[in-house]
Amino acid sequence: MKEDIFKSHLKKKSQSKLALSISLFIVLLTSTGYIFNSKGVIFLFYISCFVFLYNLVIHFLLEKFDI
């Protein structure tokens, strides 16, 4: 039983790191203007920044409080 909880927690941590790295990559991609500079890309930038901050908070909570 304890092993399953431990594996589940490690799985959540690894998924959090993956989501954080993917959202950071998207933020960097849209912020550098690599894709065509348009209103759609600016909108994607704001959405990806929100997603990045959300993932950062989740990752911080998992690391700090071992949720």
Protein backbone atom coordinates (compact mmCIF):
# COMPACT_ATOMS: atom_id res chain seq x y z
CA MET A 1 0.00 0.00 0.00
CA LYS A 2 2.76 2.45 0.93
CA GLU A 3 4.68 1.54 -2.22
CA ASP A 4 1.70 2.45 -4.39
CA ILE A 5 1.38 5.83 -2.71
CA PHE A 6 5.11 6.44 -3.13
CA LYS A 7 5.02 5.46 -6.81
CA SER A 8 1.97 7.67 -7.36
CA HIS A 9 3.75 10.63 -5.78
CA LEU A 10 6.84 10.09 -7.92
CA LYS A 11 4.65 9.82 -11.00
CA LYS A 12 2.96 13.14 -10.15
CA LYS A 13 6.35 14.79 -9.65
CA SER A 14 7.68 13.54 -12.97
CA GLN A 15 4.51 14.60 -14.79
CA SER A 16 4.80 18.02 -13.18
CA LYS A 17 8.40 18.39 -14.38
CA LEU A 18 7.41 17.35 -17.89
CA ALA A 19 4.49 19.78 -18.02
CA LEU A 20 6.70 22.56 -16.67
CA SER A 21 9.39 21.98 -19.28
CA ILE A 22 6.90 21.78 -22.15
CA SER A 23 5.15 24.97 -21.09
CA LEU A 24 8.48 26.75 -20.67
CA PHE A 25 9.48 25.69 -24.19
CA ILE A 26 6.20 27.04 -25.60
CA VAL A 27 6.63 30.32 -23.70
CA LEU A 28 10.14 30.72 -25.05
CA LEU A 29 9.06 29.80 -28.57
CA THR A 30 6.24 32.34 -28.64
CA SER A 31 8.20 35.07 -26.86
CA THR A 32 11.15 35.05 -29.25
CA GLY A 33 8.95 35.69 -32.26
CA TYR A 34 10.13 32.51 -33.96
CA ILE A 35 6.61 31.98 -35.19
CA PHE A 36 5.12 34.80 -37.25
CA ASN A 37 4.39 37.88 -35.20
CA SER A 38 0.62 38.22 -35.16
CA LYS A 39 -2.27 38.68 -32.76
CA GLY A 40 -2.73 34.93 -32.55
CA VAL A 41 0.83 34.38 -31.40
CA ILE A 42 0.52 37.13 -28.80
CA PHE A 43 -2.66 35.46 -27.54
CA LEU A 44 -0.83 32.11 -27.40
CA PHE A 45 1.98 33.80 -25.48
CA TYR A 46 -0.38 35.03 -22.78
CA ILE A 47 -2.10 31.66 -22.52
CA SER A 48 1.21 29.80 -22.35
CA CYS A 49 2.48 32.19 -19.66
CA PHE A 50 -0.61 31.46 -17.59
CA VAL A 51 -0.12 27.71 -18.08
CA PHE A 52 3.55 28.00 -17.17
CA LEU A 53 2.78 29.87 -13.94
CA TYR A 54 0.06 27.35 -13.07
CA ASN A 55 2.49 24.45 -13.62
CA LEU A 56 5.15 26.26 -11.61
CA VAL A 57 2.80 26.59 -8.63
CA ILE A 58 1.80 22.92 -8.87
CA HIS A 59 5.44 21.87 -9.07
CA PHE A 60 6.34 24.07 -6.11
CA LEU A 61 3.55 22.58 -4.02
CA LEU A 62 4.62 19.03 -4.90
CA GLU A 63 8.22 19.75 -3.98
CA LYS A 64 7.59 21.83 -0.86
CA PHE A 65 4.73 20.07 0.87
CA ASP A 66 4.92 16.58 -0.64
CA ILE A 67 1.28 16.63 -1.66
